[in-house]
PDB file of N, CA and C in Angstrom:
ATOM      1  N   MET A   1     -57.922 -25.037 -27.767  1.00  0.00           N
ATOM      2  CA  MET A   1     -56.254 -24.891 -27.957  1.00  0.00           C
ATOM      3  C   MET A   1     -55.522 -24.811 -26.820  1.00  0.00           C
ATOM      4  N   TYR A   2     -56.280 -24.051 -25.638  1.00  0.00           N
ATOM      5  CA  TYR A   2     -55.054 -23.932 -24.576  1.00  0.00           C
ATOM      6  C   TYR A   2     -55.610 -24.905 -23.569  1.00  0.00           C
ATOM      7  N   GLU A   3     -56.589 -25.859 -24.136  1.00  0.00           N
ATOM      8  CA  GLU A   3     -57.001 -26.856 -22.867  1.00  0.00           C
ATOM      9  C   GLU A   3     -55.667 -27.764 -22.738  1.00  0.00           C
ATOM     10  N   VAL A   4     -54.656 -28.179 -23.617  1.00  0.00           N
ATOM     11  CA  VAL A   4     -53.700 -28.543 -23.562  1.00  0.00           C
ATOM     12  C   VAL A   4     -52.878 -28.209 -22.343  1.00  0.00           C
ATOM     13  N   PHE A   5     -52.747 -27.040 -21.941  1.00  0.00           N
ATOM     14  CA  PHE A   5     -51.646 -26.410 -20.962  1.00  0.00           C
ATOM     15  C   PHE A   5     -52.763 -26.189 -19.832  1.00  0.00           C
ATOM     16  N   GLU A   6     -53.800 -26.343 -19.547  1.00  0.00           N
ATOM     17  CA  GLU A   6     -54.437 -26.263 -18.384  1.00  0.00           C
ATOM     18  C   GLU A   6     -53.952 -26.515 -17.175  1.00  0.00           C
ATOM     19  N   PRO A   7     -53.757 -27.939 -17.155  1.00  0.00           N
ATOM     20  CA  PRO A   7     -53.186 -28.844 -16.351  1.00  0.00           C
ATOM     21  C   PRO A   7     -52.154 -28.108 -15.562  1.00  0.00           C
ATOM     22  N   PHE A   8     -51.384 -27.633 -16.471  1.00  0.00           N
ATOM     23  CA  PHE A   8     -49.615 -26.894 -16.210  1.00  0.00           C
ATOM     24  C   PHE A   8     -49.916 -25.688 -15.658  1.00  0.00           C
ATOM     25  N   ILE A   9     -50.717 -24.795 -15.644  1.00  0.00           N
ATOM     26  CA  ILE A   9     -51.155 -23.454 -15.298  1.00  0.00           C
ATOM     27  C   ILE A   9     -51.102 -23.436 -13.849  1.00  0.00           C
ATOM     28  N   PRO A  10     -51.197 -24.112 -13.041  1.00  0.00           N
ATOM     29  CA  PRO A  10     -51.275 -24.312 -11.384  1.00  0.00           C
ATOM     30  C   PRO A  10     -49.356 -24.366 -11.207  1.00  0.00           C
ATOM     31  N   PHE A  11     -48.866 -25.221 -11.699  1.00  0.00           N
ATOM     32  CA  PHE A  11     -47.565 -25.510 -11.598  1.00  0.00           C
ATOM     33  C   PHE A  11     -46.774 -24.318 -12.112  1.00  0.00           C
ATOM     34  N   ALA A  12     -46.990 -23.666 -13.312  1.00  0.00           N
ATOM     35  CA  ALA A  12     -46.351 -22.581 -13.780  1.00  0.00           C
ATOM     36  C   ALA A  12     -46.437 -21.276 -12.818  1.00  0.00           C
ATOM     37  N   VAL A  13     -47.656 -21.217 -12.654  1.00  0.00           N
ATOM     38  CA  VAL A  13     -47.602 -20.239 -11.268  1.00  0.00           C
ATOM     39  C   VAL A  13     -47.147 -20.421 -10.171  1.00  0.00           C
ATOM     40  N   GLY A  14     -47.147 -21.648  -9.591  1.00  0.00           N
ATOM     41  CA  GLY A  14     -46.413 -21.643  -8.053  1.00  0.00           C
ATOM     42  C   GLY A  14     -44.782 -21.747  -8.543  1.00  0.00           C
ATOM     43  N   PHE A  15     -44.710 -21.913  -9.442  1.00  0.00           N
ATOM     44  CA  PHE A  15     -42.867 -22.009  -9.887  1.00  0.00           C
ATOM     45  C   PHE A  15     -42.339 -20.420 -10.079  1.00  0.00           C
ATOM     46  N   ILE A  16     -43.048 -19.792 -10.665  1.00  0.00           N
ATOM     47  CA  ILE A  16     -43.122 -18.379 -10.716  1.00  0.00           C
ATOM     48  C   ILE A  16     -42.822 -17.599  -9.323  1.00  0.00           C
ATOM     49  N   PHE A  17     -44.045 -17.973  -8.361  1.00  0.00           N
ATOM     50  CA  PHE A  17     -44.000 -17.304  -7.149  1.00  0.00           C
ATOM     51  C   PHE A  17     -43.071 -17.824  -6.597  1.00  0.00           C
ATOM     52  N   PHE A  18     -42.632 -19.218  -6.392  1.00  0.00           N
ATOM     53  CA  PHE A  18     -41.642 -19.801  -5.841  1.00  0.00           C
ATOM     54  C   PHE A  18     -40.018 -19.088  -5.804  1.00  0.00           C
ATOM     55  N   THR A  19     -39.805 -19.059  -7.686  1.00  0.00           N
ATOM     56  CA  THR A  19     -38.380 -18.494  -8.008  1.00  0.00           C
ATOM     57  C   THR A  19     -38.526 -16.925  -7.333  1.00  0.00           C
ATOM     58  N   ALA A  20     -39.909 -16.098  -7.414  1.00  0.00           N
ATOM     59  CA  ALA A  20     -39.430 -15.233  -6.820  1.00  0.00           C
ATOM     60  C   ALA A  20     -39.084 -14.605  -5.482  1.00  0.00           C
ATOM     61  N   ALA A  21     -40.074 -15.592  -4.731  1.00  0.00           N
ATOM     62  CA  ALA A  21     -39.356 -15.974  -3.118  1.00  0.00           C
ATOM     63  C   ALA A  21     -38.072 -16.029  -3.094  1.00  0.00           C
ATOM     64  N   ILE A  22     -37.363 -17.072  -3.812  1.00  0.00           N
ATOM     65  CA  ILE A  22     -35.968 -17.082  -3.637  1.00  0.00           C
ATOM     66  C   ILE A  22     -35.178 -15.940  -3.751  1.00  0.00           C
ATOM     67  N   LYS A  23     -35.585 -15.435  -4.779  1.00  0.00           N
ATOM     68  CA  LYS A  23     -34.971 -13.841  -5.393  1.00  0.00           C
ATOM     69  C   LYS A  23     -34.690 -13.011  -4.065  1.00  0.00           C
ATOM     70  N   VAL A  24     -35.987 -12.854  -3.613  1.00  0.00           N
ATOM     71  CA  VAL A  24     -36.236 -11.895  -2.518  1.00  0.00           C
ATOM     72  C   VAL A  24     -35.326 -12.323  -1.323  1.00  0.00           C
ATOM     73  N   PHE A  25     -35.374 -13.484  -0.809  1.00  0.00           N
ATOM     74  CA  PHE A  25     -34.575 -14.253   0.141  1.00  0.00           C
ATOM     75  C   PHE A  25     -33.230 -13.777  -0.159  1.00  0.00           C
ATOM     76  N   PHE A  26     -32.831 -14.293  -1.293  1.00  0.00           N
ATOM     77  CA  PHE A  26     -31.195 -14.099  -1.301  1.00  0.00           C
ATOM     78  C   PHE A  26     -30.876 -12.808  -1.540  1.00  0.00           C
ATOM     79  N   ALA A  27     -31.989 -11.716  -1.785  1.00  0.00           N
ATOM     80  CA  ALA A  27     -31.476 -10.313  -1.634  1.00  0.00           C
ATOM     81  C   ALA A  27     -31.163  -9.776  -0.405  1.00  0.00           C
ATOM     82  N   TYR A  28     -32.417 -10.437   0.193  1.00  0.00           N
ATOM     83  CA  TYR A  28     -32.398 -10.257   1.951  1.00  0.00           C
ATOM     84  C   TYR A  28     -30.880 -10.276   2.428  1.00  0.00           C
ATOM     85  N   LEU A  29     -30.739 -11.586   2.163  1.00  0.00           N
ATOM     86  CA  LEU A  29     -29.230 -12.479   2.708  1.00  0.00           C
ATOM     87  C   LEU A  29     -28.126 -11.102   2.378  1.00  0.00           C
ATOM     88  N   ASN A  30     -28.240 -10.729   1.327  1.00  0.00           N
ATOM     89  CA  ASN A  30     -26.944  -9.956   0.626  1.00  0.00           C
ATOM     90  C   ASN A  30     -27.024  -8.504   1.358  1.00  0.00           C
ATOM     91  N   TRP A  31     -28.385  -8.177   1.533  1.00  0.00           N
ATOM     92  CA  TRP A  31     -28.646  -7.124   2.259  1.00  0.00           C
ATOM     93  C   TRP A  31     -28.150  -6.965   3.753  1.00  0.00           C
ATOM     94  N   LYS A  32     -28.313  -7.982   4.363  1.00  0.00           N
ATOM     95  CA  LYS A  32     -28.167  -7.997   6.005  1.00  0.00           C
ATOM     96  C   LYS A  32     -26.518  -8.475   6.130  1.00  0.00           C
ATOM     97  N   MET A  33     -26.065  -9.276   5.224  1.00  0.00           N
ATOM     98  CA  MET A  33     -24.765  -9.788   5.671  1.00  0.00           C
ATOM     99  C   MET A  33     -23.682  -8.556   4.918  1.00  0.00           C
ATOM    100  N   GLY A  34     -24.052  -7.719   4.262  1.00  0.00           N
ATOM    101  CA  GLY A  34     -23.570  -6.666   3.735  1.00  0.00           C
ATOM    102  C   GLY A  34     -22.458  -7.096   2.652  1.00  0.00           C
ATOM    103  N   GLU A  35     -21.159  -6.233   2.703  1.00  0.00           N
ATOM    104  CA  GLU A  35     -20.146  -6.702   1.514  1.00  0.00           C
ATOM    105  C   GLU A  35     -19.563  -7.674   2.182  1.00  0.00           C
ATOM    106  N   PRO A  36     -18.760  -8.696   1.702  1.00  0.00           N
ATOM    107  CA  PRO A  36     -17.888  -9.551   2.352  1.00  0.00           C
ATOM    108  C   PRO A  36     -16.251  -8.753   2.679  1.00  0.00           C
ATOM    109  N   PHE A  37     -16.435  -9.130   3.515  1.00  0.00           N
ATOM    110  CA  PHE A  37     -14.938  -8.762   4.101  1.00  0.00           C
ATOM    111  C   PHE A  37     -13.296  -9.089   3.845  1.00  0.00           C
ATOM    112  N   GLU A  38     -12.597  -8.194   3.122  1.00  0.00           N
ATOM    113  CA  GLU A  38     -11.348  -8.770   2.667  1.00  0.00           C
ATOM    114  C   GLU A  38     -10.165  -8.374   3.112  1.00  0.00           C
ATOM    115  N   ALA A  39      -9.618  -9.207   3.687  1.00  0.00           N
ATOM    116  CA  ALA A  39      -8.456  -8.941   4.955  1.00  0.00           C
ATOM    117  C   ALA A  39      -7.411  -8.442   4.159  1.00  0.00           C
ATOM    118  N   TYR A  40      -7.267  -8.190   3.066  1.00  0.00           N
ATOM    119  CA  TYR A  40      -6.318  -7.780   2.135  1.00  0.00           C
ATOM    120  C   TYR A  40      -6.681  -6.530   1.243  1.00  0.00           C
ATOM    121  N   ASN A  41      -6.147  -5.743   1.501  1.00  0.00           N
ATOM    122  CA  ASN A  41      -6.815  -4.194   0.450  1.00  0.00           C
ATOM    123  C   ASN A  41      -5.646  -4.338  -0.728  1.00  0.00           C
ATOM    124  N   LYS A  42      -5.824  -4.516  -2.089  1.00  0.00           N
ATOM    125  CA  LYS A  42      -5.123  -4.590  -3.006  1.00  0.00           C
ATOM    126  C   LYS A  42      -4.467  -3.231  -3.463  1.00  0.00           C
ATOM    127  N   ASN A  43      -5.391  -2.317  -3.159  1.00  0.00           N
ATOM    128  CA  ASN A  43      -5.039  -0.914  -3.518  1.00  0.00           C
ATOM    129  C   ASN A  43      -3.755  -0.243  -2.440  1.00  0.00           C
ATOM    130  N   THR A  44      -4.013  -0.510  -1.183  1.00  0.00           N
ATOM    131  CA  THR A  44      -3.146   0.161  -0.281  1.00  0.00           C
ATOM    132  C   THR A  44      -1.976  -0.787  -0.067  1.00  0.00           C
ATOM    133  N   GLY A  45      -2.064  -2.335  -0.440  1.00  0.00           N
ATOM    134  CA  GLY A  45      -1.244  -3.380   0.149  1.00  0.00           C
ATOM    135  C   GLY A  45      -1.213  -3.638   1.464  1.00  0.00           C
ATOM    136  N   MET A  46      -2.703  -3.499   2.543  1.00  0.00           N
ATOM    137  CA  MET A  46      -2.386  -3.426   3.616  1.00  0.00           C
ATOM    138  C   MET A  46      -3.234  -4.964   3.787  1.00  0.00           C
ATOM    139  N   LEU A  47      -2.643  -5.712   5.215  1.00  0.00           N
ATOM    140  CA  LEU A  47      -3.307  -6.667   5.737  1.00  0.00           C
ATOM    141  C   LEU A  47      -3.886  -6.315   6.774  1.00  0.00           C
ATOM    142  N   ILE A  48      -5.272  -6.443   6.834  1.00  0.00           N
ATOM    143  CA  ILE A  48      -6.276  -6.340   8.143  1.00  0.00           C
ATOM    144  C   ILE A  48      -6.392  -7.719   8.630  1.00  0.00           C
ATOM    145  N   CYS A  49      -6.402  -7.844  10.090  1.00  0.00           N
ATOM    146  CA  CYS A  49      -6.621  -8.656  11.047  1.00  0.00           C
ATOM    147  C   CYS A  49      -7.991  -9.270  10.672  1.00  0.00           C
ATOM    148  N   PRO A  50      -8.348 -10.763  10.282  1.00  0.00           N
ATOM    149  CA  PRO A  50      -9.258 -11.181   9.903  1.00  0.00           C
ATOM    150  C   PRO A  50     -10.509 -11.753  11.248  1.00  0.00           C
ATOM    151  N   ASN A  51     -11.289 -12.116  10.832  1.00  0.00           N
ATOM    152  CA  ASN A  51     -12.310 -12.388  12.023  1.00  0.00           C
ATOM    153  C   ASN A  51     -11.394 -13.458  13.095  1.00  0.00           C
ATOM    154  N   ILE A  52     -11.632 -13.142  14.111  1.00  0.00           N
ATOM    155  CA  ILE A  52     -10.827 -14.046  15.267  1.00  0.00           C
ATOM    156  C   ILE A  52     -11.831 -14.427  16.258  1.00  0.00           C
ATOM    157  N   GLY A  53     -13.162 -14.334  15.778  1.00  0.00           N
ATOM    158  CA  GLY A  53     -13.914 -14.895  16.959  1.00  0.00           C
ATOM    159  C   GLY A  53     -14.761 -13.906  17.840  1.00  0.00           C
ATOM    160  N   GLY A  54     -14.688 -12.659  16.972  1.00  0.00           N
ATOM    161  CA  GLY A  54     -15.475 -11.581  17.731  1.00  0.00           C
ATOM    162  C   GLY A  54     -14.756 -11.143  19.081  1.00  0.00           C
ATOM    163  N   VAL A  55     -13.842 -11.391  19.370  1.00  0.00           N
ATOM    164  CA  VAL A  55     -12.968 -11.290  20.402  1.00  0.00           C
ATOM    165  C   VAL A  55     -11.725 -10.568  20.228  1.00  0.00           C
ATOM    166  N   SER A  56     -11.250  -9.998  21.258  1.00  0.00           N
ATOM    167  CA  SER A  56      -9.937  -9.080  20.622  1.00  0.00           C
ATOM    168  C   SER A  56      -8.693 -10.425  21.165  1.00  0.00           C
ATOM    169  N   GLY A  57      -7.710 -10.184  20.593  1.00  0.00           N
ATOM    170  CA  GLY A  57      -6.580 -11.557  20.815  1.00  0.00           C
ATOM    171  C   GLY A  57      -5.073 -10.541  20.977  1.00  0.00           C
ATOM    172  N   ARG A  58      -4.084 -11.624  21.006  1.00  0.00           N
ATOM    173  CA  ARG A  58      -2.791 -10.738  21.030  1.00  0.00           C
ATOM    174  C   ARG A  58      -1.581 -11.217  20.127  1.00  0.00           C
ATOM    175  N   ILE A  59      -0.722 -10.821  19.592  1.00  0.00           N
ATOM    176  CA  ILE A  59       0.109 -10.989  18.811  1.00  0.00           C
ATOM    177  C   ILE A  59       0.713 -11.885  19.593  1.00  0.00           C
ATOM    178  N   ILE A  60       1.248 -13.316  19.339  1.00  0.00           N
ATOM    179  CA  ILE A  60       2.298 -13.842  20.131  1.00  0.00           C
ATOM    180  C   ILE A  60       3.570 -14.390  19.293  1.00  0.00           C
ATOM    181  N   GLY A  61       3.274 -13.921  17.946  1.00  0.00           N
ATOM    182  CA  GLY A  61       4.503 -14.448  17.122  1.00  0.00           C
ATOM    183  C   GLY A  61       4.491 -13.848  15.610  1.00  0.00           C
ATOM    184  N   ILE A  62       5.779 -13.256  15.405  1.00  0.00           N
ATOM    185  CA  ILE A  62       5.650 -12.297  14.292  1.00  0.00           C
ATOM    186  C   ILE A  62       7.048 -13.140  13.577  1.00  0.00           C
ATOM    187  N   HIS A  63       6.628 -13.631  12.343  1.00  0.00           N
ATOM    188  CA  HIS A  63       7.450 -14.333  11.629  1.00  0.00           C
ATOM    189  C   HIS A  63       8.500 -13.965  10.210  1.00  0.00           C
ATOM    190  N   PHE A  64       8.674 -12.574  10.605  1.00  0.00           N
ATOM    191  CA  PHE A  64       9.448 -11.729   9.900  1.00  0.00           C
ATOM    192  C   PHE A  64       9.696 -10.261  10.181  1.00  0.00           C
ATOM    193  N   VAL A  65      10.773  -9.544   9.566  1.00  0.00           N
ATOM    194  CA  VAL A  65      11.019  -8.331   9.850  1.00  0.00           C
ATOM    195  C   VAL A  65      10.719  -7.242   8.698  1.00  0.00           C
ATOM    196  N   GLU A  66      10.929  -6.189   9.025  1.00  0.00           N
ATOM    197  CA  GLU A  66      10.512  -5.219   7.798  1.00  0.00           C
ATOM    198  C   GLU A  66      11.617  -5.438   6.855  1.00  0.00           C
ATOM    199  N   GLY A  67      11.371  -5.340   5.427  1.00  0.00           N
ATOM    200  CA  GLY A  67      12.352  -5.579   4.422  1.00  0.00           C
ATOM    201  C   GLY A  67      12.371  -6.932   3.942  1.00  0.00           C
ATOM    202  N   ASP A  68      11.618  -7.946   4.661  1.00  0.00           N
ATOM    203  CA  ASP A  68      12.087  -9.365   4.374  1.00  0.00           C
ATOM    204  C   ASP A  68      11.071  -9.760   3.163  1.00  0.00           C
ATOM    205  N   PHE A  69      11.261 -10.739   2.508  1.00  0.00           N
ATOM    206  CA  PHE A  69      10.387 -11.227   1.474  1.00  0.00           C
ATOM    207  C   PHE A  69       9.546 -12.379   1.865  1.00  0.00           C
ATOM    208  N   VAL A  70       8.322 -12.035   1.759  1.00  0.00           N
ATOM    209  CA  VAL A  70       7.394 -13.516   2.160  1.00  0.00           C
ATOM    210  C   VAL A  70       6.582 -14.352   1.066  1.00  0.00           C
ATOM    211  N   LYS A  71       6.276 -15.443   1.140  1.00  0.00           N
ATOM    212  CA  LYS A  71       5.891 -16.100  -0.117  1.00  0.00           C
ATOM    213  C   LYS A  71       4.202 -16.182   0.632  1.00  0.00           C
ATOM    214  N   LYS A  72       3.312 -16.493  -0.756  1.00  0.00           N
ATOM    215  CA  LYS A  72       2.216 -16.514  -0.333  1.00  0.00           C
ATOM    216  C   LYS A  72       1.864 -17.667   0.660  1.00  0.00           C
ATOM    217  N   ASP A  73       0.866 -17.802   1.361  1.00  0.00           N
ATOM    218  CA  ASP A  73       0.414 -18.665   2.188  1.00  0.00           C
ATOM    219  C   ASP A  73       1.508 -18.977   3.266  1.00  0.00           C
ATOM    220  N   GLN A  74       2.490 -18.304   3.134  1.00  0.00           N
ATOM    221  CA  GLN A  74       3.630 -18.503   4.369  1.00  0.00           C
ATOM    222  C   GLN A  74       3.074 -17.772   5.859  1.00  0.00           C
ATOM    223  N   ALA A  75       3.001 -18.674   6.875  1.00  0.00           N
ATOM    224  CA  ALA A  75       2.759 -18.086   7.880  1.00  0.00           C
ATOM    225  C   ALA A  75       3.428 -16.674   8.476  1.00  0.00           C
ATOM    226  N   ILE A  76       2.790 -15.558   8.640  1.00  0.00           N
ATOM    227  CA  ILE A  76       3.556 -14.093   9.106  1.00  0.00           C
ATOM    228  C   ILE A  76       3.231 -13.823  10.446  1.00  0.00           C
ATOM    229  N   PHE A  77       1.995 -14.485  11.115  1.00  0.00           N
ATOM    230  CA  PHE A  77       1.834 -13.928  12.393  1.00  0.00           C
ATOM    231  C   PHE A  77       1.215 -15.208  13.363  1.00  0.00           C
ATOM    232  N   THR A  78       1.323 -15.004  14.441  1.00  0.00           N
ATOM    233  CA  THR A  78       0.790 -16.027  15.152  1.00  0.00           C
ATOM    234  C   THR A  78      -0.019 -15.270  16.122  1.00  0.00           C
ATOM    235  N   ILE A  79      -1.858 -15.492  16.269  1.00  0.00           N
ATOM    236  CA  ILE A  79      -2.478 -14.757  17.184  1.00  0.00           C
ATOM    237  C   ILE A  79      -3.087 -15.792  17.891  1.00  0.00           C
ATOM    238  N   GLU A  80      -3.266 -15.056  19.176  1.00  0.00           N
ATOM    239  CA  GLU A  80      -4.074 -15.898  20.273  1.00  0.00           C
ATOM    240  C   GLU A  80      -4.901 -15.067  20.711  1.00  0.00           C
ATOM    241  N   SER A  81      -6.463 -15.322  20.538  1.00  0.00           N
ATOM    242  CA  SER A  81      -7.546 -15.518  21.445  1.00  0.00           C
ATOM    243  C   SER A  81      -8.093 -15.860  22.380  1.00  0.00           C
ATOM    244  N   SER A  82      -9.128 -16.045  23.133  1.00  0.00           N
ATOM    245  CA  SER A  82      -9.709 -16.548  24.120  1.00  0.00           C
ATOM    246  C   SER A  82     -10.301 -18.099  23.428  1.00  0.00           C
ATOM    247  N   LEU A  83     -10.379 -18.091  22.133  1.00  0.00           N
ATOM    248  CA  LEU A  83     -11.099 -19.088  21.760  1.00  0.00           C
ATOM    249  C   LEU A  83     -10.070 -19.944  20.783  1.00  0.00           C
ATOM    250  N   ALA A  84      -8.706 -19.502  20.156  1.00  0.00           N
ATOM    251  CA  ALA A  84      -7.917 -20.371  19.705  1.00  0.00           C
ATOM    252  C   ALA A  84      -6.470 -19.481  19.323  1.00  0.00           C
ATOM    253  N   VAL A  85      -5.987 -20.497  18.922  1.00  0.00           N
ATOM    254  CA  VAL A  85      -4.283 -19.791  18.706  1.00  0.00           C
ATOM    255  C   VAL A  85      -4.419 -19.966  16.929  1.00  0.00           C
ATOM    256  N   MET A  86      -4.037 -19.137  16.348  1.00  0.00           N
ATOM    257  CA  MET A  86      -4.216 -19.287  15.092  1.00  0.00           C
ATOM    258  C   MET A  86      -2.804 -18.541  13.965  1.00  0.00           C
ATOM    259  N   GLU A  87      -2.773 -18.916  13.190  1.00  0.00           N
ATOM    260  CA  GLU A  87      -1.838 -18.264  12.159  1.00  0.00           C
ATOM    261  C   GLU A  87      -1.978 -17.627  11.133  1.00  0.00           C
ATOM    262  N   ILE A  88      -1.881 -16.264  10.722  1.00  0.00           N
ATOM    263  CA  ILE A  88      -2.185 -15.542   9.823  1.00  0.00           C
ATOM    264  C   ILE A  88      -1.212 -15.948   8.465  1.00  0.00           C
ATOM    265  N   PRO A  89      -1.593 -16.321   7.649  1.00  0.00           N
ATOM    266  CA  PRO A  89      -0.663 -16.355   6.447  1.00  0.00           C
ATOM    267  C   PRO A  89      -0.686 -15.415   5.397  1.00  0.00           C
ATOM    268  N   ALA A  90       0.366 -15.228   4.455  1.00  0.00           N
ATOM    269  CA  ALA A  90       0.597 -13.987   4.058  1.00  0.00           C
ATOM    270  C   ALA A  90      -0.663 -14.095   2.734  1.00  0.00           C
ATOM    271  N   PRO A  91      -1.205 -13.253   2.352  1.00  0.00           N
ATOM    272  CA  PRO A  91      -2.160 -13.196   1.484  1.00  0.00           C
ATOM    273  C   PRO A  91      -1.592 -13.147  -0.066  1.00  0.00           C
ATOM    274  N   ILE A  92      -0.137 -12.494  -0.140  1.00  0.00           N
ATOM    275  CA  ILE A  92       0.405 -12.633  -1.717  1.00  0.00           C
ATOM    276  C   ILE A  92       1.905 -12.842  -1.558  1.00  0.00           C
ATOM    277  N   SER A  93       2.547 -12.898  -2.396  1.00  0.00           N
ATOM    278  CA  SER A  93       4.089 -12.612  -2.337  1.00  0.00           C
ATOM    279  C   SER A  93       4.665 -11.401  -2.512  1.00  0.00           C
ATOM    280  N   GLY A  94       5.367 -11.137  -1.935  1.00  0.00           N
ATOM    281  CA  GLY A  94       5.911  -9.460  -1.443  1.00  0.00           C
ATOM    282  C   GLY A  94       6.679  -9.202  -0.508  1.00  0.00           C
ATOM    283  N   ARG A  95       7.320  -7.895  -0.663  1.00  0.00           N
ATOM    284  CA  ARG A  95       8.453  -7.397   0.383  1.00  0.00           C
ATOM    285  C   ARG A  95       7.365  -6.596   1.438  1.00  0.00           C
ATOM    286  N   VAL A  96       7.753  -7.094   2.571  1.00  0.00           N
ATOM    287  CA  VAL A  96       7.034  -6.534   3.823  1.00  0.00           C
ATOM    288  C   VAL A  96       7.684  -4.933   3.892  1.00  0.00           C
ATOM    289  N   LYS A  97       6.942  -4.108   3.737  1.00  0.00           N
ATOM    290  CA  LYS A  97       7.187  -2.615   3.715  1.00  0.00           C
ATOM    291  C   LYS A  97       7.298  -1.917   5.162  1.00  0.00           C
ATOM    292  N   LYS A  98       5.832  -2.399   5.688  1.00  0.00           N
ATOM    293  CA  LYS A  98       5.696  -1.400   7.277  1.00  0.00           C
ATOM    294  C   LYS A  98       5.173  -2.555   8.199  1.00  0.00           C
ATOM    295  N   LEU A  99       5.473  -2.800   9.439  1.00  0.00           N
ATOM    296  CA  LEU A  99       4.782  -3.661  10.169  1.00  0.00           C
ATOM    297  C   LEU A  99       4.075  -2.827  11.485  1.00  0.00           C
ATOM    298  N   HIS A 100       2.891  -2.900  11.698  1.00  0.00           N
ATOM    299  CA  HIS A 100       1.760  -1.818  12.169  1.00  0.00           C
ATOM    300  C   HIS A 100       1.680  -2.484  13.629  1.00  0.00           C
ATOM    301  N   VAL A 101       2.084  -3.563  13.793  1.00  0.00           N
ATOM    302  CA  VAL A 101       2.025  -4.206  15.121  1.00  0.00           C
ATOM    303  C   VAL A 101       3.091  -4.555  15.888  1.00  0.00           C
ATOM    304  N   LYS A 102       3.107  -4.909  17.379  1.00  0.00           N
ATOM    305  CA  LYS A 102       4.081  -5.315  18.190  1.00  0.00           C
ATOM    306  C   LYS A 102       3.858  -6.837  18.507  1.00  0.00           C
ATOM    307  N   LEU A 103       5.059  -7.386  19.029  1.00  0.00           N
ATOM    308  CA  LEU A 103       4.761  -8.328  19.852  1.00  0.00           C
ATOM    309  C   LEU A 103       4.190  -8.256  21.075  1.00  0.00           C
ATOM    310  N   ASP A 104       3.117  -9.217  21.278  1.00  0.00           N
ATOM    311  CA  ASP A 104       2.258  -9.022  22.576  1.00  0.00           C
ATOM    312  C   ASP A 104       1.472  -7.965  22.802  1.00  0.00           C
ATOM    313  N   GLN A 105       0.922  -7.663  21.622  1.00  0.00           N
ATOM    314  CA  GLN A 105       0.104  -6.421  21.503  1.00  0.00           C
ATOM    315  C   GLN A 105      -1.284  -6.919  21.680  1.00  0.00           C
ATOM    316  N   LYS A 106      -1.940  -6.103  21.798  1.00  0.00           N
ATOM    317  CA  LYS A 106      -3.711  -6.572  21.799  1.00  0.00           C
ATOM    318  C   LYS A 106      -3.955  -6.145  20.423  1.00  0.00           C
ATOM    319  N   ILE A 107      -4.885  -6.923  19.734  1.00  0.00           N
ATOM    320  CA  ILE A 107      -5.529  -6.677  18.472  1.00  0.00           C
ATOM    321  C   ILE A 107      -6.796  -6.737  18.578  1.00  0.00           C
ATOM    322  N   THR A 108      -7.636  -6.409  17.550  1.00  0.00           N
ATOM    323  CA  THR A 108      -9.054  -6.530  17.231  1.00  0.00           C
ATOM    324  C   THR A 108      -9.151  -6.690  15.749  1.00  0.00           C
ATOM    325  N   GLU A 109     -10.429  -7.198  15.101  1.00  0.00           N
ATOM    326  CA  GLU A 109     -10.966  -7.318  13.860  1.00  0.00           C
ATOM    327  C   GLU A 109     -10.677  -6.310  13.198  1.00  0.00           C
ATOM    328  N   LYS A 110     -10.139  -6.362  12.169  1.00  0.00           N
ATOM    329  CA  LYS A 110     -10.208  -5.019  11.035  1.00  0.00           C
ATOM    330  C   LYS A 110      -9.147  -4.103  11.252  1.00  0.00           C
ATOM    331  N   GLU A 111      -8.269  -4.250  12.220  1.00  0.00           N
ATOM    332  CA  GLU A 111      -7.050  -3.416  12.677  1.00  0.00           C
ATOM    333  C   GLU A 111      -5.770  -3.890  11.532  1.00  0.00           C
ATOM    334  N   GLU A 112      -5.095  -2.949  11.119  1.00  0.00           N
ATOM    335  CA  GLU A 112      -4.075  -3.071  10.453  1.00  0.00           C
ATOM    336  C   GLU A 112      -3.028  -3.743  10.981  1.00  0.00           C
ATOM    337  N   LEU A 113      -2.485  -4.732  10.091  1.00  0.00           N
ATOM    338  CA  LEU A 113      -1.203  -5.348  10.577  1.00  0.00           C
ATOM    339  C   LEU A 113       0.167  -5.372  10.300  1.00  0.00           C
ATOM    340  N   VAL A 114       0.123  -5.472   8.710  1.00  0.00           N
ATOM    341  CA  VAL A 114       1.296  -5.337   7.760  1.00  0.00           C
ATOM    342  C   VAL A 114       1.018  -4.689   6.446  1.00  0.00           C
ATOM    343  N   GLU A 115       2.012  -4.006   5.892  1.00  0.00           N
ATOM    344  CA  GLU A 115       1.932  -3.558   4.581  1.00  0.00           C
ATOM    345  C   GLU A 115       2.938  -4.324   3.811  1.00  0.00           C
ATOM    346  N   ILE A 116       2.152  -4.839   2.846  1.00  0.00           N
ATOM    347  CA  ILE A 116       2.938  -5.915   2.006  1.00  0.00           C
ATOM    348  C   ILE A 116       2.680  -5.213   0.523  1.00  0.00           C
ATOM    349  N   ILE A 117       4.317  -4.912  -0.158  1.00  0.00           N
ATOM    350  CA  ILE A 117       4.117  -4.696  -1.534  1.00  0.00           C
ATOM    351  C   ILE A 117       4.110  -6.069  -2.460  1.00  0.00           C
ATOM    352  N   CYS A 118       3.585  -5.762  -3.403  1.00  0.00           N
ATOM    353  CA  CYS A 118       3.266  -6.991  -4.449  1.00  0.00           C
ATOM    354  C   CYS A 118       4.806  -6.935  -5.044  1.00  0.00           C
ATOM    355  N   SER A 119       5.500  -8.401  -5.418  1.00  0.00           N
ATOM    356  CA  SER A 119       6.275  -8.290  -6.294  1.00  0.00           C
ATOM    357  C   SER A 119       5.563  -8.921  -7.567  1.00  0.00           C
ATOM    358  N   SER A 120       6.104  -8.311  -8.750  1.00  0.00           N
ATOM    359  CA  SER A 120       5.866  -8.564  -9.952  1.00  0.00           C
ATOM    360  C   SER A 120       6.614  -9.934 -10.713  1.00  0.00           C
TER     361      SER A 120
END
């Protein structure tokens, strides 16, 4: 009765071990990398400086003032680091409540930049 399945047993056992190894590998990657970093906190409305290459940078452009309405993906900051010059877009549409940085200020990753109140 089981003679029909005998040629497939080594394949089935190998497949089971292979899938288990893949699951362990991805579990290790998730543990090693930690939680994904979100640059915008929906609860507080705070935009945090994203990855700028692991180095400090400085604000070379602020494209709004407190109280302005910004649209999603509109450039709100220009940041210069030793690696590049990049624009930081608005993560949501809303009104700028408070600006936490100044022009020509040095910044690092995960530093608070601006607080935006979502407009419904």
